[in-house]
Amino acid sequence: MADKHPEIQLASFWAVQRGFTVDEVSLALDTIKQVVHSGDFLTNPHTLENYRKVLSRAGLATRSRRAQWEMKGAKSLEQSAQEKVREILAAEPRNYLDSNQQAELKRIEEIALAAAA
């Protein structure tokens, strides 16, 4: 299913491009030590306090347990991103301009083409 808001995907991409803070909070080593055997990071207080800071709206990160992820094909983040790019590019472009705005742009384009000729 195509995402209704590809701009969220693009915003997430740019967030990744900017980089991440690496410190005690972001590394969460204590949390990892506490939760590593159960694998249930989603209900951990650290996750609940910090998840919105990183990939919270990406739609590419898997938020399910490993077994569920594997049943769905065990796609890497890169594979999921490639699929999402293909979906966005294959989707019908959205029109953000109303008919008056489109007409005005057409008029400006015709003037520019006439001036260039």
PDB file of N, CA and C in Angstrom:
ATOM      1  N   MET A   1       0.840  -1.181   0.000  1.00  0.00           N
ATOM      2  CA  MET A   1       0.000   0.000   0.000  1.00  0.00           C
ATOM      3  C   MET A   1       0.886   1.244   0.000  1.00  0.00           C
ATOM      4  N   ALA A   2       0.602   2.155  -0.889  1.00  0.00           N
ATOM      5  CA  ALA A   2       1.383   3.379  -0.998  1.00  0.00           C
ATOM      6  C   ALA A   2       1.137   4.260   0.222  1.00  0.00           C
ATOM      7  N   ASP A   3       2.207   4.881   0.679  1.00  0.00           N
ATOM      8  CA  ASP A   3       2.105   5.765   1.835  1.00  0.00           C
ATOM      9  C   ASP A   3       1.364   7.026   1.434  1.00  0.00           C
ATOM     10  N   LYS A   4       0.455   7.480   2.280  1.00  0.00           N
ATOM     11  CA  LYS A   4      -0.308   8.687   1.977  1.00  0.00           C
ATOM     12  C   LYS A   4       0.534   9.940   2.142  1.00  0.00           C
ATOM     13  N   HIS A   5       1.675   9.813   2.821  1.00  0.00           N
ATOM     14  CA  HIS A   5       2.501  10.980   3.094  1.00  0.00           C
ATOM     15  C   HIS A   5       3.971  10.682   2.816  1.00  0.00           C
ATOM     16  N   PRO A   6       4.383  10.641   1.535  1.00  0.00           N
ATOM     17  CA  PRO A   6       5.788  10.355   1.243  1.00  0.00           C
ATOM     18  C   PRO A   6       6.723  11.414   1.808  1.00  0.00           C
ATOM     19  N   GLU A   7       6.195  12.607   2.085  1.00  0.00           N
ATOM     20  CA  GLU A   7       7.047  13.641   2.659  1.00  0.00           C
ATOM     21  C   GLU A   7       7.582  13.227   4.031  1.00  0.00           C
ATOM     22  N   ILE A   8       6.837  12.378   4.736  1.00  0.00           N
ATOM     23  CA  ILE A   8       7.329  11.863   6.020  1.00  0.00           C
ATOM     24  C   ILE A   8       8.550  10.990   5.782  1.00  0.00           C
ATOM     25  N   GLN A   9       8.502  10.179   4.728  1.00  0.00           N
ATOM     26  CA  GLN A   9       9.644   9.335   4.390  1.00  0.00           C
ATOM     27  C   GLN A   9      10.851  10.203   4.044  1.00  0.00           C
ATOM     28  N   LEU A  10      10.632  11.264   3.282  1.00  0.00           N
ATOM     29  CA  LEU A  10      11.732  12.142   2.913  1.00  0.00           C
ATOM     30  C   LEU A  10      12.295  12.866   4.129  1.00  0.00           C
ATOM     31  N   ALA A  11      11.434  13.291   5.020  1.00  0.00           N
ATOM     32  CA  ALA A  11      11.902  13.947   6.247  1.00  0.00           C
ATOM     33  C   ALA A  11      12.764  12.993   7.062  1.00  0.00           C
ATOM     34  N   SER A  12      12.363  11.740   7.112  1.00  0.00           N
ATOM     35  CA  SER A  12      13.148  10.743   7.842  1.00  0.00           C
ATOM     36  C   SER A  12      14.498  10.532   7.174  1.00  0.00           C
ATOM     37  N   PHE A  13      14.506  10.504   5.850  1.00  0.00           N
ATOM     38  CA  PHE A  13      15.763  10.365   5.123  1.00  0.00           C
ATOM     39  C   PHE A  13      16.712  11.495   5.487  1.00  0.00           C
ATOM     40  N   TRP A  14      16.208  12.731   5.474  1.00  0.00           N
ATOM     41  CA  TRP A  14      17.071  13.872   5.790  1.00  0.00           C
ATOM     42  C   TRP A  14      17.530  13.839   7.244  1.00  0.00           C
ATOM     43  N   ALA A  15      16.703  13.326   8.123  1.00  0.00           N
ATOM     44  CA  ALA A  15      17.114  13.185   9.525  1.00  0.00           C
ATOM     45  C   ALA A  15      18.303  12.228   9.622  1.00  0.00           C
ATOM     46  N   VAL A  16      18.250  11.155   8.851  1.00  0.00           N
ATOM     47  CA  VAL A  16      19.363  10.205   8.841  1.00  0.00           C
ATOM     48  C   VAL A  16      20.602  10.866   8.252  1.00  0.00           C
ATOM     49  N   GLN A  17      20.423  11.646   7.202  1.00  0.00           N
ATOM     50  CA  GLN A  17      21.550  12.324   6.573  1.00  0.00           C
ATOM     51  C   GLN A  17      22.254  13.284   7.534  1.00  0.00           C
ATOM     52  N   ARG A  18      21.477  13.926   8.409  1.00  0.00           N
ATOM     53  CA  ARG A  18      22.055  14.875   9.370  1.00  0.00           C
ATOM     54  C   ARG A  18      22.904  14.170  10.412  1.00  0.00           C
ATOM     55  N   GLY A  19      22.607  12.912  10.657  1.00  0.00           N
ATOM     56  CA  GLY A  19      23.381  12.166  11.648  1.00  0.00           C
ATOM     57  C   GLY A  19      22.654  12.039  12.963  1.00  0.00           C
ATOM     58  N   PHE A  20      23.271  11.308  13.865  1.00  0.00           N
ATOM     59  CA  PHE A  20      22.672  11.018  15.157  1.00  0.00           C
ATOM     60  C   PHE A  20      23.612  11.414  16.278  1.00  0.00           C
ATOM     61  N   THR A  21      23.020  11.779  17.392  1.00  0.00           N
ATOM     62  CA  THR A  21      23.792  12.031  18.591  1.00  0.00           C
ATOM     63  C   THR A  21      24.189  10.690  19.187  1.00  0.00           C
ATOM     64  N   VAL A  22      25.449  10.585  19.551  1.00  0.00           N
ATOM     65  CA  VAL A  22      25.925   9.361  20.196  1.00  0.00           C
ATOM     66  C   VAL A  22      26.391   9.739  21.595  1.00  0.00           C
ATOM     67  N   ASP A  23      25.576   9.351  22.577  1.00  0.00           N
ATOM     68  CA  ASP A  23      25.904   9.608  23.971  1.00  0.00           C
ATOM     69  C   ASP A  23      25.286   8.504  24.821  1.00  0.00           C
ATOM     70  N   GLU A  24      25.347   8.639  26.131  1.00  0.00           N
ATOM     71  CA  GLU A  24      24.813   7.587  27.006  1.00  0.00           C
ATOM     72  C   GLU A  24      23.326   7.344  26.778  1.00  0.00           C
ATOM     73  N   VAL A  25      22.575   8.398  26.586  1.00  0.00           N
ATOM     74  CA  VAL A  25      21.131   8.248  26.383  1.00  0.00           C
ATOM     75  C   VAL A  25      20.837   7.554  25.062  1.00  0.00           C
ATOM     76  N   SER A  26      21.494   8.005  23.992  1.00  0.00           N
ATOM     77  CA  SER A  26      21.191   7.419  22.685  1.00  0.00           C
ATOM     78  C   SER A  26      21.713   5.992  22.550  1.00  0.00           C
ATOM     79  N   LEU A  27      22.828   5.684  23.167  1.00  0.00           N
ATOM     80  CA  LEU A  27      23.351   4.316  23.107  1.00  0.00           C
ATOM     81  C   LEU A  27      22.527   3.347  23.948  1.00  0.00           C
ATOM     82  N   ALA A  28      22.042   3.834  25.082  1.00  0.00           N
ATOM     83  CA  ALA A  28      21.156   3.049  25.954  1.00  0.00           C
ATOM     84  C   ALA A  28      21.733   1.688  26.334  1.00  0.00           C
ATOM     85  N   LEU A  29      22.998   1.662  26.658  1.00  0.00           N
ATOM     86  CA  LEU A  29      23.631   0.383  26.989  1.00  0.00           C
ATOM     87  C   LEU A  29      23.002  -0.294  28.201  1.00  0.00           C
ATOM     88  N   ASP A  30      22.625   0.492  29.198  1.00  0.00           N
ATOM     89  CA  ASP A  30      21.974  -0.093  30.378  1.00  0.00           C
ATOM     90  C   ASP A  30      20.644  -0.736  29.995  1.00  0.00           C
ATOM     91  N   THR A  31      19.910  -0.075  29.140  1.00  0.00           N
ATOM     92  CA  THR A  31      18.630  -0.617  28.678  1.00  0.00           C
ATOM     93  C   THR A  31      18.852  -1.909  27.900  1.00  0.00           C
ATOM     94  N   ILE A  32      19.830  -1.901  27.034  1.00  0.00           N
ATOM     95  CA  ILE A  32      20.130  -3.105  26.253  1.00  0.00           C
ATOM     96  C   ILE A  32      20.459  -4.270  27.181  1.00  0.00           C
ATOM     97  N   LYS A  33      21.267  -4.015  28.192  1.00  0.00           N
ATOM     98  CA  LYS A  33      21.621  -5.073  29.145  1.00  0.00           C
ATOM     99  C   LYS A  33      20.386  -5.603  29.881  1.00  0.00           C
ATOM    100  N   GLN A  34      19.452  -4.720  30.197  1.00  0.00           N
ATOM    101  CA  GLN A  34      18.241  -5.126  30.918  1.00  0.00           C
ATOM    102  C   GLN A  34      17.293  -5.942  30.044  1.00  0.00           C
ATOM    103  N   VAL A  35      17.227  -5.615  28.779  1.00  0.00           N
ATOM    104  CA  VAL A  35      16.170  -6.139  27.925  1.00  0.00           C
ATOM    105  C   VAL A  35      16.659  -7.163  26.904  1.00  0.00           C
ATOM    106  N   VAL A  36      17.949  -7.324  26.770  1.00  0.00           N
ATOM    107  CA  VAL A  36      18.507  -8.118  25.687  1.00  0.00           C
ATOM    108  C   VAL A  36      17.926  -9.536  25.597  1.00  0.00           C
ATOM    109  N   HIS A  37      17.655 -10.173  26.698  1.00  0.00           N
ATOM    110  CA  HIS A  37      17.174 -11.560  26.650  1.00  0.00           C
ATOM    111  C   HIS A  37      15.702 -11.666  26.273  1.00  0.00           C
ATOM    112  N   SER A  38      14.903 -10.726  26.713  1.00  0.00           N
ATOM    113  CA  SER A  38      13.483 -10.785  26.367  1.00  0.00           C
ATOM    114  C   SER A  38      13.229 -10.195  24.979  1.00  0.00           C
ATOM    115  N   GLY A  39      14.065  -9.242  24.585  1.00  0.00           N
ATOM    116  CA  GLY A  39      13.892  -8.609  23.287  1.00  0.00           C
ATOM    117  C   GLY A  39      12.745  -7.616  23.233  1.00  0.00           C
ATOM    118  N   ASP A  40      12.131  -7.316  24.366  1.00  0.00           N
ATOM    119  CA  ASP A  40      10.973  -6.429  24.390  1.00  0.00           C
ATOM    120  C   ASP A  40      11.399  -5.013  24.758  1.00  0.00           C
ATOM    121  N   PHE A  41      11.961  -4.333  23.784  1.00  0.00           N
ATOM    122  CA  PHE A  41      12.394  -2.952  24.001  1.00  0.00           C
ATOM    123  C   PHE A  41      11.226  -1.984  23.957  1.00  0.00           C
ATOM    124  N   LEU A  42      10.151  -2.373  23.301  1.00  0.00           N
ATOM    125  CA  LEU A  42       9.048  -1.438  23.066  1.00  0.00           C
ATOM    126  C   LEU A  42       8.347  -0.983  24.334  1.00  0.00           C
ATOM    127  N   THR A  43       8.335  -1.822  25.359  1.00  0.00           N
ATOM    128  CA  THR A  43       7.660  -1.425  26.599  1.00  0.00           C
ATOM    129  C   THR A  43       8.626  -0.870  27.638  1.00  0.00           C
ATOM    130  N   ASN A  44       9.893  -0.773  27.298  1.00  0.00           N
ATOM    131  CA  ASN A  44      10.884  -0.253  28.230  1.00  0.00           C
ATOM    132  C   ASN A  44      10.743   1.258  28.360  1.00  0.00           C
ATOM    133  N   PRO A  45      10.838   1.795  29.577  1.00  0.00           N
ATOM    134  CA  PRO A  45      10.691   3.246  29.770  1.00  0.00           C
ATOM    135  C   PRO A  45      11.643   4.081  28.906  1.00  0.00           C
ATOM    136  N   HIS A  46      12.873   3.619  28.724  1.00  0.00           N
ATOM    137  CA  HIS A  46      13.827   4.373  27.902  1.00  0.00           C
ATOM    138  C   HIS A  46      13.307   4.518  26.467  1.00  0.00           C
ATOM    139  N   THR A  47      12.787   3.435  25.933  1.00  0.00           N
ATOM    140  CA  THR A  47      12.244   3.475  24.574  1.00  0.00           C
ATOM    141  C   THR A  47      11.060   4.436  24.505  1.00  0.00           C
ATOM    142  N   LEU A  48      10.168   4.333  25.468  1.00  0.00           N
ATOM    143  CA  LEU A  48       8.990   5.188  25.472  1.00  0.00           C
ATOM    144  C   LEU A  48       9.354   6.666  25.573  1.00  0.00           C
ATOM    145  N   GLU A  49      10.433   6.963  26.283  1.00  0.00           N
ATOM    146  CA  GLU A  49      10.858   8.354  26.439  1.00  0.00           C
ATOM    147  C   GLU A  49      11.602   8.886  25.210  1.00  0.00           C
ATOM    148  N   ASN A  50      12.238   7.998  24.439  1.00  0.00           N
ATOM    149  CA  ASN A  50      13.156   8.458  23.400  1.00  0.00           C
ATOM    150  C   ASN A  50      12.828   8.060  21.972  1.00  0.00           C
ATOM    151  N   TYR A  51      11.848   7.202  21.758  1.00  0.00           N
ATOM    152  CA  TYR A  51      11.637   6.684  20.409  1.00  0.00           C
ATOM    153  C   TYR A  51      11.264   7.754  19.391  1.00  0.00           C
ATOM    154  N   ARG A  52      10.614   8.802  19.806  1.00  0.00           N
ATOM    155  CA  ARG A  52      10.205   9.841  18.848  1.00  0.00           C
ATOM    156  C   ARG A  52      11.391  10.615  18.293  1.00  0.00           C
ATOM    157  N   LYS A  53      12.516  10.521  18.948  1.00  0.00           N
ATOM    158  CA  LYS A  53      13.694  11.260  18.494  1.00  0.00           C
ATOM    159  C   LYS A  53      14.361  10.602  17.288  1.00  0.00           C
ATOM    160  N   VAL A  54      14.153   9.296  17.122  1.00  0.00           N
ATOM    161  CA  VAL A  54      14.842   8.580  16.053  1.00  0.00           C
ATOM    162  C   VAL A  54      13.867   7.655  15.341  1.00  0.00           C
ATOM    163  N   LEU A  55      13.691   7.862  14.055  1.00  0.00           N
ATOM    164  CA  LEU A  55      12.887   6.987  13.202  1.00  0.00           C
ATOM    165  C   LEU A  55      11.462   6.757  13.688  1.00  0.00           C
ATOM    166  N   SER A  56      10.915   7.685  14.437  1.00  0.00           N
ATOM    167  CA  SER A  56       9.582   7.440  14.969  1.00  0.00           C
ATOM    168  C   SER A  56       8.501   7.442  13.900  1.00  0.00           C
ATOM    169  N   ARG A  57       8.735   8.128  12.790  1.00  0.00           N
ATOM    170  CA  ARG A  57       7.711   8.201  11.751  1.00  0.00           C
ATOM    171  C   ARG A  57       8.216   7.661  10.422  1.00  0.00           C
ATOM    172  N   ALA A  58       9.345   6.994  10.446  1.00  0.00           N
ATOM    173  CA  ALA A  58       9.956   6.563   9.195  1.00  0.00           C
ATOM    174  C   ALA A  58       9.118   5.550   8.443  1.00  0.00           C
ATOM    175  N   GLY A  59       8.443   4.687   9.137  1.00  0.00           N
ATOM    176  CA  GLY A  59       7.668   3.669   8.461  1.00  0.00           C
ATOM    177  C   GLY A  59       8.536   2.593   7.848  1.00  0.00           C
ATOM    178  N   LEU A  60       9.825   2.750   7.919  1.00  0.00           N
ATOM    179  CA  LEU A  60      10.742   1.765   7.373  1.00  0.00           C
ATOM    180  C   LEU A  60      11.296   0.852   8.460  1.00  0.00           C
ATOM    181  N   ALA A  61      11.423   1.386   9.638  1.00  0.00           N
ATOM    182  CA  ALA A  61      11.953   0.584  10.735  1.00  0.00           C
ATOM    183  C   ALA A  61      10.911  -0.432  11.188  1.00  0.00           C
ATOM    184  N   THR A  62      11.373  -1.611  11.514  1.00  0.00           N
ATOM    185  CA  THR A  62      10.472  -2.667  11.972  1.00  0.00           C
ATOM    186  C   THR A  62      10.228  -2.504  13.461  1.00  0.00           C
ATOM    187  N   ARG A  63       8.968  -2.515  13.827  1.00  0.00           N
ATOM    188  CA  ARG A  63       8.626  -2.362  15.242  1.00  0.00           C
ATOM    189  C   ARG A  63       8.023  -3.644  15.807  1.00  0.00           C
ATOM    190  N   SER A  64       8.154  -4.722  15.079  1.00  0.00           N
ATOM    191  CA  SER A  64       7.606  -5.992  15.541  1.00  0.00           C
ATOM    192  C   SER A  64       8.725  -6.856  16.110  1.00  0.00           C
ATOM    193  N   ARG A  65       8.345  -7.924  16.735  1.00  0.00           N
ATOM    194  CA  ARG A  65       9.330  -8.858  17.265  1.00  0.00           C
ATOM    195  C   ARG A  65      10.035  -9.560  16.115  1.00  0.00           C
ATOM    196  N   ARG A  66      11.203 -10.089  16.401  1.00  0.00           N
ATOM    197  CA  ARG A  66      12.038 -10.711  15.373  1.00  0.00           C
ATOM    198  C   ARG A  66      11.288 -11.802  14.602  1.00  0.00           C
ATOM    199  N   ALA A  67      10.548 -12.651  15.285  1.00  0.00           N
ATOM    200  CA  ALA A  67       9.835 -13.744  14.609  1.00  0.00           C
ATOM    201  C   ALA A  67       8.837 -13.186  13.588  1.00  0.00           C
ATOM    202  N   GLN A  68       8.134 -12.120  13.964  1.00  0.00           N
ATOM    203  CA  GLN A  68       7.187 -11.503  13.032  1.00  0.00           C
ATOM    204  C   GLN A  68       7.912 -10.877  11.850  1.00  0.00           C
ATOM    205  N   TRP A  69       9.032 -10.230  12.120  1.00  0.00           N
ATOM    206  CA  TRP A  69       9.849  -9.625  11.074  1.00  0.00           C
ATOM    207  C   TRP A  69      10.335 -10.697  10.097  1.00  0.00           C
ATOM    208  N   GLU A  70      10.772 -11.819  10.628  1.00  0.00           N
ATOM    209  CA  GLU A  70      11.246 -12.902   9.771  1.00  0.00           C
ATOM    210  C   GLU A  70      10.109 -13.484   8.933  1.00  0.00           C
ATOM    211  N   MET A  71       8.911 -13.602   9.520  1.00  0.00           N
ATOM    212  CA  MET A  71       7.770 -14.127   8.774  1.00  0.00           C
ATOM    213  C   MET A  71       7.381 -13.198   7.618  1.00  0.00           C
ATOM    214  N   LYS A  72       7.668 -11.915   7.771  1.00  0.00           N
ATOM    215  CA  LYS A  72       7.345 -10.939   6.727  1.00  0.00           C
ATOM    216  C   LYS A  72       8.478 -10.778   5.709  1.00  0.00           C
ATOM    217  N   GLY A  73       9.493 -11.639   5.789  1.00  0.00           N
ATOM    218  CA  GLY A  73      10.561 -11.601   4.793  1.00  0.00           C
ATOM    219  C   GLY A  73      11.904 -11.119   5.291  1.00  0.00           C
ATOM    220  N   ALA A  74      12.005 -10.695   6.530  1.00  0.00           N
ATOM    221  CA  ALA A  74      13.266 -10.269   7.142  1.00  0.00           C
ATOM    222  C   ALA A  74      14.010  -9.237   6.285  1.00  0.00           C
ATOM    223  N   LYS A  75      13.283  -8.241   5.823  1.00  0.00           N
ATOM    224  CA  LYS A  75      13.888  -7.222   4.964  1.00  0.00           C
ATOM    225  C   LYS A  75      14.762  -6.283   5.786  1.00  0.00           C
ATOM    226  N   SER A  76      15.904  -5.927   5.206  1.00  0.00           N
ATOM    227  CA  SER A  76      16.783  -4.954   5.841  1.00  0.00           C
ATOM    228  C   SER A  76      16.177  -3.562   5.676  1.00  0.00           C
ATOM    229  N   LEU A  77      16.695  -2.597   6.408  1.00  0.00           N
ATOM    230  CA  LEU A  77      16.235  -1.215   6.283  1.00  0.00           C
ATOM    231  C   LEU A  77      16.474  -0.730   4.850  1.00  0.00           C
ATOM    232  N   GLU A  78      17.596  -1.110   4.276  1.00  0.00           N
ATOM    233  CA  GLU A  78      17.900  -0.716   2.896  1.00  0.00           C
ATOM    234  C   GLU A  78      16.884  -1.305   1.913  1.00  0.00           C
ATOM    235  N   GLN A  79      16.540  -2.573   2.082  1.00  0.00           N
ATOM    236  CA  GLN A  79      15.553  -3.198   1.202  1.00  0.00           C
ATOM    237  C   GLN A  79      14.193  -2.508   1.337  1.00  0.00           C
ATOM    238  N   SER A  80      13.805  -2.222   2.565  1.00  0.00           N
ATOM    239  CA  SER A  80      12.535  -1.527   2.789  1.00  0.00           C
ATOM    240  C   SER A  80      12.558  -0.136   2.158  1.00  0.00           C
ATOM    241  N   ALA A  81      13.690   0.547   2.274  1.00  0.00           N
ATOM    242  CA  ALA A  81      13.817   1.883   1.679  1.00  0.00           C
ATOM    243  C   ALA A  81      13.727   1.809   0.156  1.00  0.00           C
ATOM    244  N   GLN A  82      14.373   0.814  -0.433  1.00  0.00           N
ATOM    245  CA  GLN A  82      14.308   0.661  -1.886  1.00  0.00           C
ATOM    246  C   GLN A  82      12.874   0.406  -2.342  1.00  0.00           C
ATOM    247  N   GLU A  83      12.155  -0.441  -1.625  1.00  0.00           N
ATOM    248  CA  GLU A  83      10.755  -0.702  -1.959  1.00  0.00           C
ATOM    249  C   GLU A  83       9.919   0.567  -1.860  1.00  0.00           C
ATOM    250  N   LYS A  84      10.150   1.336  -0.797  1.00  0.00           N
ATOM    251  CA  LYS A  84       9.390   2.571  -0.593  1.00  0.00           C
ATOM    252  C   LYS A  84       9.666   3.570  -1.714  1.00  0.00           C
ATOM    253  N   VAL A  85      10.922   3.687  -2.127  1.00  0.00           N
ATOM    254  CA  VAL A  85      11.265   4.591  -3.229  1.00  0.00           C
ATOM    255  C   VAL A  85      10.538   4.158  -4.499  1.00  0.00           C
ATOM    256  N   ARG A  86      10.539   2.865  -4.774  1.00  0.00           N
ATOM    257  CA  ARG A  86       9.837   2.366  -5.965  1.00  0.00           C
ATOM    258  C   ARG A  86       8.339   2.687  -5.891  1.00  0.00           C
ATOM    259  N   GLU A  87       7.741   2.504  -4.719  1.00  0.00           N
ATOM    260  CA  GLU A  87       6.313   2.814  -4.544  1.00  0.00           C
ATOM    261  C   GLU A  87       6.035   4.291  -4.807  1.00  0.00           C
ATOM    262  N   ILE A  88       6.862   5.148  -4.234  1.00  0.00           N
ATOM    263  CA  ILE A  88       6.654   6.594  -4.376  1.00  0.00           C
ATOM    264  C   ILE A  88       6.810   7.001  -5.838  1.00  0.00           C
ATOM    265  N   LEU A  89       7.832   6.474  -6.503  1.00  0.00           N
ATOM    266  CA  LEU A  89       8.057   6.838  -7.897  1.00  0.00           C
ATOM    267  C   LEU A  89       6.983   6.273  -8.827  1.00  0.00           C
ATOM    268  N   ALA A  90       6.410   5.137  -8.475  1.00  0.00           N
ATOM    269  CA  ALA A  90       5.379   4.518  -9.312  1.00  0.00           C
ATOM    270  C   ALA A  90       4.004   5.152  -9.105  1.00  0.00           C
ATOM    271  N   ALA A  91       3.821   5.839  -7.993  1.00  0.00           N
ATOM    272  CA  ALA A  91       2.514   6.423  -7.677  1.00  0.00           C
ATOM    273  C   ALA A  91       2.209   7.606  -8.585  1.00  0.00           C
ATOM    274  N   GLU A  92       0.944   7.809  -8.825  1.00  0.00           N
ATOM    275  CA  GLU A  92       0.493   8.972  -9.595  1.00  0.00           C
ATOM    276  C   GLU A  92       0.878  10.236  -8.832  1.00  0.00           C
ATOM    277  N   PRO A  93       1.544  11.182  -9.497  1.00  0.00           N
ATOM    278  CA  PRO A  93       1.935  12.414  -8.785  1.00  0.00           C
ATOM    279  C   PRO A  93       0.708  13.157  -8.256  1.00  0.00           C
ATOM    280  N   ARG A  94       0.853  13.737  -7.108  1.00  0.00           N
ATOM    281  CA  ARG A  94      -0.235  14.527  -6.539  1.00  0.00           C
ATOM    282  C   ARG A  94      -0.205  15.928  -7.125  1.00  0.00           C
ATOM    283  N   ASN A  95      -1.363  16.508  -7.267  1.00  0.00           N
ATOM    284  CA  ASN A  95      -1.461  17.865  -7.746  1.00  0.00           C
ATOM    285  C   ASN A  95      -1.784  18.760  -6.553  1.00  0.00           C
ATOM    286  N   TYR A  96      -0.866  19.641  -6.222  1.00  0.00           N
ATOM    287  CA  TYR A  96      -1.043  20.506  -5.063  1.00  0.00           C
ATOM    288  C   TYR A  96      -1.603  21.877  -5.441  1.00  0.00           C
ATOM    289  N   LEU A  97      -1.788  22.111  -6.738  1.00  0.00           N
ATOM    290  CA  LEU A  97      -2.273  23.409  -7.189  1.00  0.00           C
ATOM    291  C   LEU A  97      -3.729  23.319  -7.596  1.00  0.00           C
ATOM    292  N   ASP A  98      -4.484  24.366  -7.276  1.00  0.00           N
ATOM    293  CA  ASP A  98      -5.868  24.389  -7.744  1.00  0.00           C
ATOM    294  C   ASP A  98      -5.881  24.857  -9.208  1.00  0.00           C
ATOM    295  N   SER A  99      -7.040  24.839  -9.834  1.00  0.00           N
ATOM    296  CA  SER A  99      -7.133  25.150 -11.263  1.00  0.00           C
ATOM    297  C   SER A  99      -6.692  26.587 -11.567  1.00  0.00           C
ATOM    298  N   ASN A 100      -6.957  27.523 -10.676  1.00  0.00           N
ATOM    299  CA  ASN A 100      -6.526  28.914 -10.894  1.00  0.00           C
ATOM    300  C   ASN A 100      -5.003  29.022 -10.869  1.00  0.00           C
ATOM    301  N   GLN A 101      -4.385  28.337  -9.940  1.00  0.00           N
ATOM    302  CA  GLN A 101      -2.924  28.358  -9.855  1.00  0.00           C
ATOM    303  C   GLN A 101      -2.305  27.706 -11.094  1.00  0.00           C
ATOM    304  N   GLN A 102      -2.897  26.597 -11.542  1.00  0.00           N
ATOM    305  CA  GLN A 102      -2.393  25.930 -12.740  1.00  0.00           C
ATOM    306  C   GLN A 102      -2.514  26.842 -13.960  1.00  0.00           C
ATOM    307  N   ALA A 103      -3.626  27.523 -14.071  1.00  0.00           N
ATOM    308  CA  ALA A 103      -3.835  28.435 -15.198  1.00  0.00           C
ATOM    309  C   ALA A 103      -2.817  29.572 -15.170  1.00  0.00           C
ATOM    310  N   GLU A 104      -2.542  30.100 -13.999  1.00  0.00           N
ATOM    311  CA  GLU A 104      -1.563  31.183 -13.872  1.00  0.00           C
ATOM    312  C   GLU A 104      -0.169  30.697 -14.260  1.00  0.00           C
ATOM    313  N   LEU A 105       0.202  29.525 -13.824  1.00  0.00           N
ATOM    314  CA  LEU A 105       1.505  28.976 -14.215  1.00  0.00           C
ATOM    315  C   LEU A 105       1.583  28.756 -15.725  1.00  0.00           C
ATOM    316  N   LYS A 106       0.516  28.269 -16.302  1.00  0.00           N
ATOM    317  CA  LYS A 106       0.461  28.059 -17.752  1.00  0.00           C
ATOM    318  C   LYS A 106       0.635  29.387 -18.479  1.00  0.00           C
ATOM    319  N   ARG A 107      -0.038  30.437 -17.987  1.00  0.00           N
ATOM    320  CA  ARG A 107       0.064  31.763 -18.589  1.00  0.00           C
ATOM    321  C   ARG A 107       1.505  32.270 -18.522  1.00  0.00           C
ATOM    322  N   ILE A 108       2.147  32.105 -17.362  1.00  0.00           N
ATOM    323  CA  ILE A 108       3.537  32.550 -17.186  1.00  0.00           C
ATOM    324  C   ILE A 108       4.467  31.764 -18.108  1.00  0.00           C
ATOM    325  N   GLU A 109       4.224  30.471 -18.220  1.00  0.00           N
ATOM    326  CA  GLU A 109       5.032  29.627 -19.091  1.00  0.00           C
ATOM    327  C   GLU A 109       4.902  30.073 -20.555  1.00  0.00           C
ATOM    328  N   GLU A 110       3.701  30.359 -20.982  1.00  0.00           N
ATOM    329  CA  GLU A 110       3.484  30.796 -22.372  1.00  0.00           C
ATOM    330  C   GLU A 110       4.179  32.114 -22.658  1.00  0.00           C
ATOM    331  N   ILE A 111       4.160  33.022 -21.686  1.00  0.00           N
ATOM    332  CA  ILE A 111       4.843  34.315 -21.841  1.00  0.00           C
ATOM    333  C   ILE A 111       6.352  34.076 -21.953  1.00  0.00           C
ATOM    334  N   ALA A 112       6.873  33.221 -21.099  1.00  0.00           N
ATOM    335  CA  ALA A 112       8.309  32.941 -21.110  1.00  0.00           C
ATOM    336  C   ALA A 112       8.723  32.270 -22.417  1.00  0.00           C
ATOM    337  N   LEU A 113       7.922  31.325 -22.903  1.00  0.00           N
ATOM    338  CA  LEU A 113       8.235  30.645 -24.166  1.00  0.00           C
ATOM    339  C   LEU A 113       8.185  31.621 -25.345  1.00  0.00           C
ATOM    340  N   ALA A 114       7.210  32.526 -25.317  1.00  0.00           N
ATOM    341  CA  ALA A 114       7.079  33.521 -26.387  1.00  0.00           C
ATOM    342  C   ALA A 114       8.273  34.476 -26.373  1.00  0.00           C
ATOM    343  N   ALA A 115       8.719  34.867 -25.216  1.00  0.00           N
ATOM    344  CA  ALA A 115       9.852  35.778 -25.078  1.00  0.00           C
ATOM    345  C   ALA A 115      11.148  35.101 -25.518  1.00  0.00           C
ATOM    346  N   ALA A 116      11.249  33.795 -25.317  1.00  0.00           N
ATOM    347  CA  ALA A 116      12.474  33.070 -25.673  1.00  0.00           C
ATOM    348  C   ALA A 116      12.555  32.781 -27.162  1.00  0.00           C
ATOM    349  N   ALA A 117      11.429  32.851 -27.847  1.00  0.00           N
ATOM    350  CA  ALA A 117      11.395  32.490 -29.283  1.00  0.00           C
ATOM    351  C   ALA A 117      11.944  33.574 -30.172  1.00  0.00           C
TER     352      ALA A 117
END
